[in-house]
PDB file of N, CA and C in Angstrom:
ATOM      1  N   UNK A   1      -4.419 -36.489 -38.968  1.00  0.00           N
ATOM      2  CA  UNK A   1      -3.421 -35.575 -38.447  1.00  0.00           C
ATOM      3  C   UNK A   1      -4.023 -34.167 -38.382  1.00  0.00           C
ATOM      4  N   UNK A   2      -3.795 -33.451 -37.269  1.00  0.00           N
ATOM      5  CA  UNK A   2      -4.372 -32.130 -37.057  1.00  0.00           C
ATOM      6  C   UNK A   2      -3.580 -31.077 -37.825  1.00  0.00           C
ATOM      7  N   UNK A   3      -4.293 -30.102 -38.370  1.00  0.00           N
ATOM      8  CA  UNK A   3      -3.574 -29.019 -39.055  1.00  0.00           C
ATOM      9  C   UNK A   3      -2.693 -28.255 -38.067  1.00  0.00           C
ATOM     10  N   UNK A   4      -1.672 -27.666 -38.585  1.00  0.00           N
ATOM     11  CA  UNK A   4      -0.700 -26.963 -37.746  1.00  0.00           C
ATOM     12  C   UNK A   4      -1.343 -25.819 -36.951  1.00  0.00           C
ATOM     13  N   UNK A   5      -2.293 -25.117 -37.528  1.00  0.00           N
ATOM     14  CA  UNK A   5      -2.924 -24.000 -36.823  1.00  0.00           C
ATOM     15  C   UNK A   5      -3.668 -24.488 -35.583  1.00  0.00           C
ATOM     16  N   UNK A   6      -4.278 -25.673 -35.644  1.00  0.00           N
ATOM     17  CA  UNK A   6      -4.966 -26.240 -34.478  1.00  0.00           C
ATOM     18  C   UNK A   6      -3.980 -26.528 -33.351  1.00  0.00           C
ATOM     19  N   UNK A   7      -2.834 -27.063 -33.712  1.00  0.00           N
ATOM     20  CA  UNK A   7      -1.807 -27.361 -32.710  1.00  0.00           C
ATOM     21  C   UNK A   7      -1.306 -26.063 -32.069  1.00  0.00           C
ATOM     22  N   UNK A   8      -1.109 -25.034 -32.864  1.00  0.00           N
ATOM     23  CA  UNK A   8      -0.640 -23.745 -32.351  1.00  0.00           C
ATOM     24  C   UNK A   8      -1.667 -23.164 -31.387  1.00  0.00           C
ATOM     25  N   UNK A   9      -2.955 -23.208 -31.757  1.00  0.00           N
ATOM     26  CA  UNK A   9      -3.991 -22.690 -30.863  1.00  0.00           C
ATOM     27  C   UNK A   9      -4.076 -23.490 -29.576  1.00  0.00           C
ATOM     28  N   UNK A  10      -3.927 -24.799 -29.659  1.00  0.00           N
ATOM     29  CA  UNK A  10      -3.950 -25.622 -28.449  1.00  0.00           C
ATOM     30  C   UNK A  10      -2.789 -25.272 -27.519  1.00  0.00           C
ATOM     31  N   UNK A  11      -1.611 -25.082 -28.108  1.00  0.00           N
ATOM     32  CA  UNK A  11      -0.458 -24.679 -27.293  1.00  0.00           C
ATOM     33  C   UNK A  11      -0.678 -23.292 -26.681  1.00  0.00           C
ATOM     34  N   UNK A  12      -1.240 -22.373 -27.450  1.00  0.00           N
ATOM     35  CA  UNK A  12      -1.517 -21.035 -26.939  1.00  0.00           C
ATOM     36  C   UNK A  12      -2.496 -21.096 -25.771  1.00  0.00           C
ATOM     37  N   UNK A  13      -3.553 -21.844 -25.922  1.00  0.00           N
ATOM     38  CA  UNK A  13      -4.537 -21.985 -24.846  1.00  0.00           C
ATOM     39  C   UNK A  13      -3.902 -22.640 -23.631  1.00  0.00           C
ATOM     40  N   UNK A  14      -3.091 -23.667 -23.833  1.00  0.00           N
ATOM     41  CA  UNK A  14      -2.426 -24.348 -22.725  1.00  0.00           C
ATOM     42  C   UNK A  14      -1.569 -23.364 -21.927  1.00  0.00           C
ATOM     43  N   UNK A  15      -0.753 -22.560 -22.618  1.00  0.00           N
ATOM     44  CA  UNK A  15       0.124 -21.632 -21.917  1.00  0.00           C
ATOM     45  C   UNK A  15      -0.649 -20.488 -21.266  1.00  0.00           C
ATOM     46  N   UNK A  16      -1.748 -20.069 -21.878  1.00  0.00           N
ATOM     47  CA  UNK A  16      -2.562 -19.010 -21.265  1.00  0.00           C
ATOM     48  C   UNK A  16      -3.217 -19.502 -19.975  1.00  0.00           C
ATOM     49  N   UNK A  17      -3.648 -20.753 -19.961  1.00  0.00           N
ATOM     50  CA  UNK A  17      -4.325 -21.297 -18.790  1.00  0.00           C
ATOM     51  C   UNK A  17      -3.344 -21.602 -17.665  1.00  0.00           C
ATOM     52  N   UNK A  18      -2.167 -22.056 -17.991  1.00  0.00           N
ATOM     53  CA  UNK A  18      -1.223 -22.492 -16.959  1.00  0.00           C
ATOM     54  C   UNK A  18      -0.275 -21.387 -16.484  1.00  0.00           C
ATOM     55  N   UNK A  19      -0.282 -20.244 -17.131  1.00  0.00           N
ATOM     56  CA  UNK A  19       0.609 -19.156 -16.736  1.00  0.00           C
ATOM     57  C   UNK A  19       0.086 -18.481 -15.465  1.00  0.00           C
ATOM     58  N   UNK A  20       0.984 -18.252 -14.523  1.00  0.00           N
ATOM     59  CA  UNK A  20       0.648 -17.548 -13.291  1.00  0.00           C
ATOM     60  C   UNK A  20       1.242 -16.148 -13.395  1.00  0.00           C
ATOM     61  N   UNK A  21       0.361 -15.157 -13.308  1.00  0.00           N
ATOM     62  CA  UNK A  21       0.819 -13.777 -13.391  1.00  0.00           C
ATOM     63  C   UNK A  21       1.108 -13.261 -11.993  1.00  0.00           C
ATOM     64  N   UNK A  22       2.287 -12.690 -11.787  1.00  0.00           N
ATOM     65  CA  UNK A  22       2.606 -12.177 -10.445  1.00  0.00           C
ATOM     66  C   UNK A  22       1.728 -10.982 -10.110  1.00  0.00           C
ATOM     67  N   UNK A  23       1.376 -10.897  -8.831  1.00  0.00           N
ATOM     68  CA  UNK A  23       0.569  -9.781  -8.354  1.00  0.00           C
ATOM     69  C   UNK A  23       1.466  -8.571  -8.178  1.00  0.00           C
ATOM     70  N   UNK A  24       1.033  -7.448  -8.717  1.00  0.00           N
ATOM     71  CA  UNK A  24       1.807  -6.220  -8.569  1.00  0.00           C
ATOM     72  C   UNK A  24       1.582  -5.685  -7.161  1.00  0.00           C
ATOM     73  N   UNK A  25       2.566  -5.844  -6.311  1.00  0.00           N
ATOM     74  CA  UNK A  25       2.422  -5.451  -4.909  1.00  0.00           C
ATOM     75  C   UNK A  25       2.986  -4.077  -4.627  1.00  0.00           C
ATOM     76  N   UNK A  26       3.585  -3.434  -5.605  1.00  0.00           N
ATOM     77  CA  UNK A  26       4.148  -2.110  -5.351  1.00  0.00           C
ATOM     78  C   UNK A  26       5.412  -2.208  -4.512  1.00  0.00           C
ATOM     79  N   UNK A  27       5.564  -1.305  -3.576  1.00  0.00           N
ATOM     80  CA  UNK A  27       6.732  -1.296  -2.713  1.00  0.00           C
ATOM     81  C   UNK A  27       6.644  -2.432  -1.702  1.00  0.00           C
ATOM     82  N   UNK A  28       7.723  -3.140  -1.540  1.00  0.00           N
ATOM     83  CA  UNK A  28       7.789  -4.197  -0.531  1.00  0.00           C
ATOM     84  C   UNK A  28       8.469  -3.612   0.699  1.00  0.00           C
ATOM     85  N   UNK A  29       7.762  -3.647   1.817  1.00  0.00           N
ATOM     86  CA  UNK A  29       8.299  -3.050   3.037  1.00  0.00           C
ATOM     87  C   UNK A  29       8.283  -4.061   4.167  1.00  0.00           C
ATOM     88  N   UNK A  30       9.102  -3.802   5.173  1.00  0.00           N
ATOM     89  CA  UNK A  30       9.108  -4.584   6.403  1.00  0.00           C
ATOM     90  C   UNK A  30       8.468  -3.724   7.478  1.00  0.00           C
ATOM     91  N   UNK A  31       7.269  -4.117   7.900  1.00  0.00           N
ATOM     92  CA  UNK A  31       6.559  -3.330   8.902  1.00  0.00           C
ATOM     93  C   UNK A  31       7.099  -3.641  10.289  1.00  0.00           C
ATOM     94  N   UNK A  32       7.079  -2.668  11.179  1.00  0.00           N
ATOM     95  CA  UNK A  32       7.495  -2.922  12.553  1.00  0.00           C
ATOM     96  C   UNK A  32       6.476  -3.814  13.257  1.00  0.00           C
ATOM     97  N   UNK A  33       6.880  -4.428  14.349  1.00  0.00           N
ATOM     98  CA  UNK A  33       5.995  -5.317  15.099  1.00  0.00           C
ATOM     99  C   UNK A  33       5.398  -4.581  16.288  1.00  0.00           C
ATOM    100  N   UNK A  34       4.207  -5.028  16.680  1.00  0.00           N
ATOM    101  CA  UNK A  34       3.530  -4.450  17.832  1.00  0.00           C
ATOM    102  C   UNK A  34       2.795  -5.551  18.574  1.00  0.00           C
ATOM    103  N   UNK A  35       2.905  -5.544  19.897  1.00  0.00           N
ATOM    104  CA  UNK A  35       2.194  -6.532  20.701  1.00  0.00           C
ATOM    105  C   UNK A  35       0.734  -6.139  20.886  1.00  0.00           C
ATOM    106  N   UNK A  36       0.444  -4.857  20.817  1.00  0.00           N
ATOM    107  CA  UNK A  36      -0.922  -4.376  20.990  1.00  0.00           C
ATOM    108  C   UNK A  36      -1.313  -3.650  19.713  1.00  0.00           C
ATOM    109  N   UNK A  37      -2.096  -4.306  18.874  1.00  0.00           N
ATOM    110  CA  UNK A  37      -2.560  -3.679  17.646  1.00  0.00           C
ATOM    111  C   UNK A  37      -3.966  -4.147  17.347  1.00  0.00           C
ATOM    112  N   UNK A  38      -4.690  -3.339  16.618  1.00  0.00           N
ATOM    113  CA  UNK A  38      -6.051  -3.698  16.245  1.00  0.00           C
ATOM    114  C   UNK A  38      -6.318  -3.174  14.841  1.00  0.00           C
ATOM    115  N   UNK A  39      -7.211  -3.833  14.111  1.00  0.00           N
ATOM    116  CA  UNK A  39      -7.485  -3.400  12.742  1.00  0.00           C
ATOM    117  C   UNK A  39      -8.239  -2.069  12.697  1.00  0.00           C
ATOM    118  N   UNK A  40      -8.030  -1.340  11.618  1.00  0.00           N
ATOM    119  CA  UNK A  40      -8.707  -0.076  11.402  1.00  0.00           C
ATOM    120  C   UNK A  40     -10.028  -0.380  10.713  1.00  0.00           C
ATOM    121  N   UNK A  41     -11.145  -0.086  11.385  1.00  0.00           N
ATOM    122  CA  UNK A  41     -12.461  -0.513  10.909  1.00  0.00           C
ATOM    123  C   UNK A  41     -13.067   0.425   9.875  1.00  0.00           C
ATOM    124  N   UNK A  42     -12.626   1.652   9.797  1.00  0.00           N
ATOM    125  CA  UNK A  42     -13.260   2.603   8.886  1.00  0.00           C
ATOM    126  C   UNK A  42     -12.568   2.625   7.524  1.00  0.00           C
ATOM    127  N   UNK A  43     -13.175   3.355   6.595  1.00  0.00           N
ATOM    128  CA  UNK A  43     -12.580   3.517   5.276  1.00  0.00           C
ATOM    129  C   UNK A  43     -11.221   4.186   5.440  1.00  0.00           C
ATOM    130  N   UNK A  44     -10.267   3.777   4.633  1.00  0.00           N
ATOM    131  CA  UNK A  44      -8.921   4.308   4.846  1.00  0.00           C
ATOM    132  C   UNK A  44      -8.225   4.668   3.538  1.00  0.00           C
ATOM    133  N   UNK A  45      -7.342   5.623   3.651  1.00  0.00           N
ATOM    134  CA  UNK A  45      -6.429   6.014   2.585  1.00  0.00           C
ATOM    135  C   UNK A  45      -5.080   5.442   2.996  1.00  0.00           C
ATOM    136  N   UNK A  46      -4.442   4.691   2.123  1.00  0.00           N
ATOM    137  CA  UNK A  46      -3.183   4.037   2.489  1.00  0.00           C
ATOM    138  C   UNK A  46      -2.010   4.656   1.736  1.00  0.00           C
ATOM    139  N   UNK A  47      -0.991   5.044   2.490  1.00  0.00           N
ATOM    140  CA  UNK A  47       0.271   5.502   1.930  1.00  0.00           C
ATOM    141  C   UNK A  47       1.351   4.511   2.361  1.00  0.00           C
ATOM    142  N   UNK A  48       2.214   4.134   1.431  1.00  0.00           N
ATOM    143  CA  UNK A  48       3.303   3.202   1.709  1.00  0.00           C
ATOM    144  C   UNK A  48       4.615   3.963   1.588  1.00  0.00           C
ATOM    145  N   UNK A  49       5.475   3.824   2.604  1.00  0.00           N
ATOM    146  CA  UNK A  49       6.779   4.500   2.618  1.00  0.00           C
ATOM    147  C   UNK A  49       7.858   3.429   2.703  1.00  0.00           C
ATOM    148  N   UNK A  50       8.751   3.409   1.720  1.00  0.00           N
ATOM    149  CA  UNK A  50       9.828   2.418   1.696  1.00  0.00           C
ATOM    150  C   UNK A  50      11.004   2.889   2.540  1.00  0.00           C
ATOM    151  N   UNK A  51      11.976   1.993   2.743  1.00  0.00           N
ATOM    152  CA  UNK A  51      13.140   2.380   3.541  1.00  0.00           C
ATOM    153  C   UNK A  51      14.022   3.395   2.812  1.00  0.00           C
ATOM    154  N   UNK A  52      13.850   3.527   1.477  1.00  0.00           N
ATOM    155  CA  UNK A  52      14.603   4.545   0.734  1.00  0.00           C
ATOM    156  C   UNK A  52      13.921   5.903   0.787  1.00  0.00           C
ATOM    157  N   UNK A  53      12.697   5.947   1.353  1.00  0.00           N
ATOM    158  CA  UNK A  53      11.969   7.205   1.432  1.00  0.00           C
ATOM    159  C   UNK A  53      10.993   7.410   0.291  1.00  0.00           C
ATOM    160  N   UNK A  54      10.797   6.400  -0.556  1.00  0.00           N
ATOM    161  CA  UNK A  54       9.817   6.507  -1.636  1.00  0.00           C
ATOM    162  C   UNK A  54       8.417   6.375  -1.044  1.00  0.00           C
ATOM    163  N   UNK A  55       7.492   7.170  -1.553  1.00  0.00           N
ATOM    164  CA  UNK A  55       6.113   7.159  -1.069  1.00  0.00           C
ATOM    165  C   UNK A  55       5.217   6.693  -2.202  1.00  0.00           C
ATOM    166  N   UNK A  56       4.287   5.807  -1.874  1.00  0.00           N
ATOM    167  CA  UNK A  56       3.393   5.254  -2.880  1.00  0.00           C
ATOM    168  C   UNK A  56       1.944   5.386  -2.428  1.00  0.00           C
ATOM    169  N   UNK A  57       1.073   5.744  -3.383  1.00  0.00           N
ATOM    170  CA  UNK A  57      -0.365   5.830  -3.140  1.00  0.00           C
ATOM    171  C   UNK A  57      -1.056   5.137  -4.301  1.00  0.00           C
ATOM    172  N   UNK A  58      -1.823   4.103  -4.010  1.00  0.00           N
ATOM    173  CA  UNK A  58      -2.529   3.301  -5.013  1.00  0.00           C
ATOM    174  C   UNK A  58      -1.579   2.829  -6.115  1.00  0.00           C
ATOM    175  N   UNK A  59      -0.447   2.285  -5.704  1.00  0.00           N
ATOM    176  CA  UNK A  59       0.591   1.736  -6.584  1.00  0.00           C
ATOM    177  C   UNK A  59       1.224   2.768  -7.511  1.00  0.00           C
ATOM    178  N   UNK A  60       1.133   4.051  -7.178  1.00  0.00           N
ATOM    179  CA  UNK A  60       1.789   5.115  -7.936  1.00  0.00           C
ATOM    180  C   UNK A  60       2.736   5.860  -7.006  1.00  0.00           C
ATOM    181  N   UNK A  61       3.962   6.065  -7.477  1.00  0.00           N
ATOM    182  CA  UNK A  61       4.920   6.792  -6.655  1.00  0.00           C
ATOM    183  C   UNK A  61       4.560   8.270  -6.649  1.00  0.00           C
ATOM    184  N   UNK A  62       4.534   8.851  -5.458  1.00  0.00           N
ATOM    185  CA  UNK A  62       4.168  10.257  -5.315  1.00  0.00           C
ATOM    186  C   UNK A  62       5.231  10.983  -4.503  1.00  0.00           C
ATOM    187  N   UNK A  63       5.095  12.296  -4.451  1.00  0.00           N
ATOM    188  CA  UNK A  63       5.978  13.149  -3.683  1.00  0.00           C
ATOM    189  C   UNK A  63       5.279  13.501  -2.376  1.00  0.00           C
ATOM    190  N   UNK A  64       6.023  13.829  -1.355  1.00  0.00           N
ATOM    191  CA  UNK A  64       5.427  14.188  -0.065  1.00  0.00           C
ATOM    192  C   UNK A  64       4.537  15.422  -0.195  1.00  0.00           C
ATOM    193  N   UNK A  65       4.808  16.266  -1.180  1.00  0.00           N
ATOM    194  CA  UNK A  65       3.998  17.469  -1.395  1.00  0.00           C
ATOM    195  C   UNK A  65       2.617  17.133  -1.952  1.00  0.00           C
ATOM    196  N   UNK A  66       2.438  15.951  -2.554  1.00  0.00           N
ATOM    197  CA  UNK A  66       1.146  15.544  -3.115  1.00  0.00           C
ATOM    198  C   UNK A  66       0.192  15.002  -2.049  1.00  0.00           C
ATOM    199  N   UNK A  67       0.721  14.634  -0.907  1.00  0.00           N
ATOM    200  CA  UNK A  67      -0.089  13.943   0.105  1.00  0.00           C
ATOM    201  C   UNK A  67      -1.230  14.817   0.604  1.00  0.00           C
ATOM    202  N   UNK A  68      -0.954  16.066   0.909  1.00  0.00           N
ATOM    203  CA  UNK A  68      -1.995  16.949   1.453  1.00  0.00           C
ATOM    204  C   UNK A  68      -3.163  17.064   0.470  1.00  0.00           C
ATOM    205  N   UNK A  69      -2.855  17.257  -0.811  1.00  0.00           N
ATOM    206  CA  UNK A  69      -3.905  17.370  -1.831  1.00  0.00           C
ATOM    207  C   UNK A  69      -4.704  16.084  -1.950  1.00  0.00           C
ATOM    208  N   UNK A  70      -4.017  14.949  -1.966  1.00  0.00           N
ATOM    209  CA  UNK A  70      -4.702  13.656  -2.079  1.00  0.00           C
ATOM    210  C   UNK A  70      -5.616  13.392  -0.880  1.00  0.00           C
ATOM    211  N   UNK A  71      -5.146  13.741   0.296  1.00  0.00           N
ATOM    212  CA  UNK A  71      -5.961  13.547   1.499  1.00  0.00           C
ATOM    213  C   UNK A  71      -7.199  14.428   1.441  1.00  0.00           C
ATOM    214  N   UNK A  72      -7.029  15.684   1.040  1.00  0.00           N
ATOM    215  CA  UNK A  72      -8.181  16.587   0.937  1.00  0.00           C
ATOM    216  C   UNK A  72      -9.213  16.059  -0.059  1.00  0.00           C
ATOM    217  N   UNK A  73      -8.740  15.557  -1.212  1.00  0.00           N
ATOM    218  CA  UNK A  73      -9.650  15.016  -2.228  1.00  0.00           C
ATOM    219  C   UNK A  73     -10.430  13.818  -1.674  1.00  0.00           C
ATOM    220  N   UNK A  74      -9.724  12.920  -0.986  1.00  0.00           N
ATOM    221  CA  UNK A  74     -10.376  11.736  -0.440  1.00  0.00           C
ATOM    222  C   UNK A  74     -11.359  12.107   0.671  1.00  0.00           C
ATOM    223  N   UNK A  75     -11.004  13.092   1.486  1.00  0.00           N
ATOM    224  CA  UNK A  75     -11.894  13.513   2.566  1.00  0.00           C
ATOM    225  C   UNK A  75     -13.140  14.229   2.038  1.00  0.00           C
ATOM    226  N   UNK A  76     -13.005  14.925   0.918  1.00  0.00           N
ATOM    227  CA  UNK A  76     -14.174  15.555   0.309  1.00  0.00           C
ATOM    228  C   UNK A  76     -15.168  14.500  -0.167  1.00  0.00           C
ATOM    229  N   UNK A  77     -14.662  13.379  -0.665  1.00  0.00           N
ATOM    230  CA  UNK A  77     -15.528  12.298  -1.133  1.00  0.00           C
ATOM    231  C   UNK A  77     -16.140  11.528   0.039  1.00  0.00           C
ATOM    232  N   UNK A  78     -15.364  11.300   1.085  1.00  0.00           N
ATOM    233  CA  UNK A  78     -15.834  10.544   2.259  1.00  0.00           C
ATOM    234  C   UNK A  78     -15.211  11.160   3.512  1.00  0.00           C
ATOM    235  N   UNK A  79     -15.950  12.017   4.223  1.00  0.00           N
ATOM    236  CA  UNK A  79     -15.384  12.749   5.365  1.00  0.00           C
ATOM    237  C   UNK A  79     -14.920  11.882   6.537  1.00  0.00           C
ATOM    238  N   UNK A  80     -15.470  10.692   6.702  1.00  0.00           N
ATOM    239  CA  UNK A  80     -15.092   9.857   7.847  1.00  0.00           C
ATOM    240  C   UNK A  80     -13.965   8.891   7.504  1.00  0.00           C
ATOM    241  N   UNK A  81     -13.059   9.316   6.648  1.00  0.00           N
ATOM    242  CA  UNK A  81     -11.956   8.477   6.203  1.00  0.00           C
ATOM    243  C   UNK A  81     -10.743   8.662   7.111  1.00  0.00           C
ATOM    244  N   UNK A  82     -10.029   7.572   7.360  1.00  0.00           N
ATOM    245  CA  UNK A  82      -8.782   7.611   8.134  1.00  0.00           C
ATOM    246  C   UNK A  82      -7.603   7.381   7.183  1.00  0.00           C
ATOM    247  N   UNK A  83      -6.416   7.687   7.653  1.00  0.00           N
ATOM    248  CA  UNK A  83      -5.201   7.437   6.883  1.00  0.00           C
ATOM    249  C   UNK A  83      -4.458   6.277   7.535  1.00  0.00           C
ATOM    250  N   UNK A  84      -4.001   5.343   6.717  1.00  0.00           N
ATOM    251  CA  UNK A  84      -3.184   4.227   7.187  1.00  0.00           C
ATOM    252  C   UNK A  84      -1.796   4.377   6.580  1.00  0.00           C
ATOM    253  N   UNK A  85      -0.797   4.471   7.428  1.00  0.00           N
ATOM    254  CA  UNK A  85       0.591   4.590   6.969  1.00  0.00           C
ATOM    255  C   UNK A  85       1.279   3.244   7.105  1.00  0.00           C
ATOM    256  N   UNK A  86       1.768   2.739   5.993  1.00  0.00           N
ATOM    257  CA  UNK A  86       2.570   1.519   6.001  1.00  0.00           C
ATOM    258  C   UNK A  86       4.016   1.960   5.782  1.00  0.00           C
ATOM    259  N   UNK A  87       4.720   2.095   6.881  1.00  0.00           N
ATOM    260  CA  UNK A  87       6.083   2.635   6.841  1.00  0.00           C
ATOM    261  C   UNK A  87       7.067   1.517   7.146  1.00  0.00           C
ATOM    262  N   UNK A  88       8.047   1.372   6.282  1.00  0.00           N
ATOM    263  CA  UNK A  88       9.092   0.377   6.505  1.00  0.00           C
ATOM    264  C   UNK A  88       9.809   0.694   7.808  1.00  0.00           C
ATOM    265  N   UNK A  89      10.116  -0.342   8.588  1.00  0.00           N
ATOM    266  CA  UNK A  89      10.751  -0.098   9.882  1.00  0.00           C
ATOM    267  C   UNK A  89      12.161   0.457   9.742  1.00  0.00           C
ATOM    268  N   UNK A  90      12.739   0.359   8.565  1.00  0.00           N
ATOM    269  CA  UNK A  90      14.079   0.902   8.321  1.00  0.00           C
ATOM    270  C   UNK A  90      14.036   2.326   7.776  1.00  0.00           C
ATOM    271  N   UNK A  91      12.841   2.863   7.536  1.00  0.00           N
ATOM    272  CA  UNK A  91      12.702   4.224   6.999  1.00  0.00           C
ATOM    273  C   UNK A  91      13.132   5.242   8.050  1.00  0.00           C
ATOM    274  N   UNK A  92      13.558   6.390   7.578  1.00  0.00           N
ATOM    275  CA  UNK A  92      13.999   7.424   8.521  1.00  0.00           C
ATOM    276  C   UNK A  92      12.790   8.046   9.215  1.00  0.00           C
ATOM    277  N   UNK A  93      13.015   8.500  10.412  1.00  0.00           N
ATOM    278  CA  UNK A  93      11.965   9.173  11.163  1.00  0.00           C
ATOM    279  C   UNK A  93      11.574  10.471  10.472  1.00  0.00           C
ATOM    280  N   UNK A  94      12.509  11.088   9.802  1.00  0.00           N
ATOM    281  CA  UNK A  94      12.247  12.357   9.117  1.00  0.00           C
ATOM    282  C   UNK A  94      11.168  12.209   8.052  1.00  0.00           C
ATOM    283  N   UNK A  95      11.282  11.184   7.193  1.00  0.00           N
ATOM    284  CA  UNK A  95      10.280  11.003   6.138  1.00  0.00           C
ATOM    285  C   UNK A  95       8.941  10.610   6.746  1.00  0.00           C
ATOM    286  N   UNK A  96       8.970   9.815   7.819  1.00  0.00           N
ATOM    287  CA  UNK A  96       7.725   9.440   8.498  1.00  0.00           C
ATOM    288  C   UNK A  96       7.006  10.676   9.026  1.00  0.00           C
ATOM    289  N   UNK A  97       7.729  11.581   9.666  1.00  0.00           N
ATOM    290  CA  UNK A  97       7.144  12.798  10.224  1.00  0.00           C
ATOM    291  C   UNK A  97       6.627  13.700   9.104  1.00  0.00           C
ATOM    292  N   UNK A  98       7.353  13.786   7.993  1.00  0.00           N
ATOM    293  CA  UNK A  98       6.893  14.605   6.866  1.00  0.00           C
ATOM    294  C   UNK A  98       5.564  14.082   6.318  1.00  0.00           C
ATOM    295  N   UNK A  99       5.459  12.762   6.171  1.00  0.00           N
ATOM    296  CA  UNK A  99       4.222  12.162   5.667  1.00  0.00           C
ATOM    297  C   UNK A  99       3.091  12.384   6.674  1.00  0.00           C
ATOM    298  N   UNK A 100       3.384  12.176   7.946  1.00  0.00           N
ATOM    299  CA  UNK A 100       2.385  12.379   8.996  1.00  0.00           C
ATOM    300  C   UNK A 100       1.900  13.830   9.032  1.00  0.00           C
ATOM    301  N   UNK A 101       2.821  14.785   8.940  1.00  0.00           N
ATOM    302  CA  UNK A 101       2.460  16.201   8.923  1.00  0.00           C
ATOM    303  C   UNK A 101       1.597  16.547   7.715  1.00  0.00           C
ATOM    304  N   UNK A 102       1.950  15.989   6.549  1.00  0.00           N
ATOM    305  CA  UNK A 102       1.178  16.262   5.332  1.00  0.00           C
ATOM    306  C   UNK A 102      -0.237  15.702   5.452  1.00  0.00           C
ATOM    307  N   UNK A 103      -0.384  14.552   6.084  1.00  0.00           N
ATOM    308  CA  UNK A 103      -1.713  13.963   6.301  1.00  0.00           C
ATOM    309  C   UNK A 103      -2.544  14.855   7.219  1.00  0.00           C
ATOM    310  N   UNK A 104      -1.932  15.297   8.314  1.00  0.00           N
ATOM    311  CA  UNK A 104      -2.639  16.171   9.248  1.00  0.00           C
ATOM    312  C   UNK A 104      -2.990  17.513   8.594  1.00  0.00           C
ATOM    313  N   UNK A 105      -2.097  18.040   7.753  1.00  0.00           N
ATOM    314  CA  UNK A 105      -2.377  19.290   7.046  1.00  0.00           C
ATOM    315  C   UNK A 105      -3.523  19.114   6.052  1.00  0.00           C
ATOM    316  N   UNK A 106      -3.701  17.891   5.565  1.00  0.00           N
ATOM    317  CA  UNK A 106      -4.806  17.601   4.664  1.00  0.00           C
ATOM    318  C   UNK A 106      -6.146  17.535   5.360  1.00  0.00           C
ATOM    319  N   UNK A 107      -6.132  17.530   6.687  1.00  0.00           N
ATOM    320  CA  UNK A 107      -7.366  17.592   7.444  1.00  0.00           C
ATOM    321  C   UNK A 107      -7.850  16.276   8.019  1.00  0.00           C
ATOM    322  N   UNK A 108      -7.056  15.248   7.976  1.00  0.00           N
ATOM    323  CA  UNK A 108      -7.497  13.952   8.509  1.00  0.00           C
ATOM    324  C   UNK A 108      -7.415  13.960  10.038  1.00  0.00           C
ATOM    325  N   UNK A 109      -8.400  13.326  10.670  1.00  0.00           N
ATOM    326  CA  UNK A 109      -8.428  13.268  12.134  1.00  0.00           C
ATOM    327  C   UNK A 109      -7.734  12.037  12.687  1.00  0.00           C
ATOM    328  N   UNK A 110      -7.863  10.903  11.987  1.00  0.00           N
ATOM    329  CA  UNK A 110      -7.294   9.647  12.486  1.00  0.00           C
ATOM    330  C   UNK A 110      -6.219   9.131  11.536  1.00  0.00           C
ATOM    331  N   UNK A 111      -5.057   8.844  12.098  1.00  0.00           N
ATOM    332  CA  UNK A 111      -3.944   8.270  11.339  1.00  0.00           C
ATOM    333  C   UNK A 111      -3.529   6.989  12.042  1.00  0.00           C
ATOM    334  N   UNK A 112      -3.519   5.890  11.312  1.00  0.00           N
ATOM    335  CA  UNK A 112      -3.071   4.616  11.857  1.00  0.00           C
ATOM    336  C   UNK A 112      -1.733   4.228  11.249  1.00  0.00           C
ATOM    337  N   UNK A 113      -0.975   3.454  11.986  1.00  0.00           N
ATOM    338  CA  UNK A 113       0.329   2.976  11.509  1.00  0.00           C
ATOM    339  C   UNK A 113       0.253   1.462  11.434  1.00  0.00           C
ATOM    340  N   UNK A 114       0.492   0.913  10.240  1.00  0.00           N
ATOM    341  CA  UNK A 114       0.401  -0.524  10.043  1.00  0.00           C
ATOM    342  C   UNK A 114       1.585  -1.227  10.685  1.00  0.00           C
ATOM    343  N   UNK A 115       1.297  -2.312  11.398  1.00  0.00           N
ATOM    344  CA  UNK A 115       2.346  -3.116  12.030  1.00  0.00           C
ATOM    345  C   UNK A 115       2.044  -4.587  11.798  1.00  0.00           C
ATOM    346  N   UNK A 116       3.027  -5.409  12.050  1.00  0.00           N
ATOM    347  CA  UNK A 116       2.826  -6.853  12.087  1.00  0.00           C
ATOM    348  C   UNK A 116       2.616  -7.246  13.541  1.00  0.00           C
ATOM    349  N   UNK A 117       1.788  -8.253  13.750  1.00  0.00           N
ATOM    350  CA  UNK A 117       1.560  -8.725  15.121  1.00  0.00           C
ATOM    351  C   UNK A 117       2.823  -9.417  15.621  1.00  0.00           C
ATOM    352  N   UNK A 118       3.268  -9.023  16.795  1.00  0.00           N
ATOM    353  CA  UNK A 118       4.444  -9.639  17.399  1.00  0.00           C
ATOM    354  C   UNK A 118       4.016 -10.858  18.200  1.00  0.00           C
ATOM    355  N   UNK A 119       4.924 -11.801  18.331  1.00  0.00           N
ATOM    356  CA  UNK A 119       4.642 -12.956  19.192  1.00  0.00           C
ATOM    357  C   UNK A 119       4.590 -12.469  20.624  1.00  0.00           C
ATOM    358  N   UNK A 120       3.489 -12.764  21.272  1.00  0.00           N
ATOM    359  CA  UNK A 120       3.330 -12.287  22.631  1.00  0.00           C
ATOM    360  C   UNK A 120       3.881 -13.308  23.615  1.00  0.00           C
ATOM    361  N   UNK A 121       4.783 -12.849  24.441  1.00  0.00           N
ATOM    362  CA  UNK A 121       5.366 -13.707  25.465  1.00  0.00           C
ATOM    363  C   UNK A 121       4.876 -13.216  26.828  1.00  0.00           C
ATOM    364  N   UNK A 122       4.104 -14.033  27.471  1.00  0.00           N
ATOM    365  CA  UNK A 122       3.569 -13.637  28.774  1.00  0.00           C
ATOM    366  C   UNK A 122       4.124 -14.543  29.853  1.00  0.00           C
TER     367      UNK A 122
END
């Protein structure tokens, strides 16, 4: 008969191996669809905007006033960086424009908007 500590360790190992940890995805958004879209090939800074107007950068919630500083810091490290905006299709145009303006004020030349590919009907 196995000692109790061996059984406990076996159960611990079993649960550690079989446990599935959920991926922290941050804000969950519904992106708008586009029939004509292409991937952004260069290095990118990604900002996520939820339909409530929350803004996230690298899984941290930020304020719209932080965007300009963050963009400047990233551009100093890599000047050929683009900004990718993942904006929920239900978000207000006002918050989208504020984020876009802050990115441009930070000095970025290229801003992309993430979309889902739409079914093309020809």
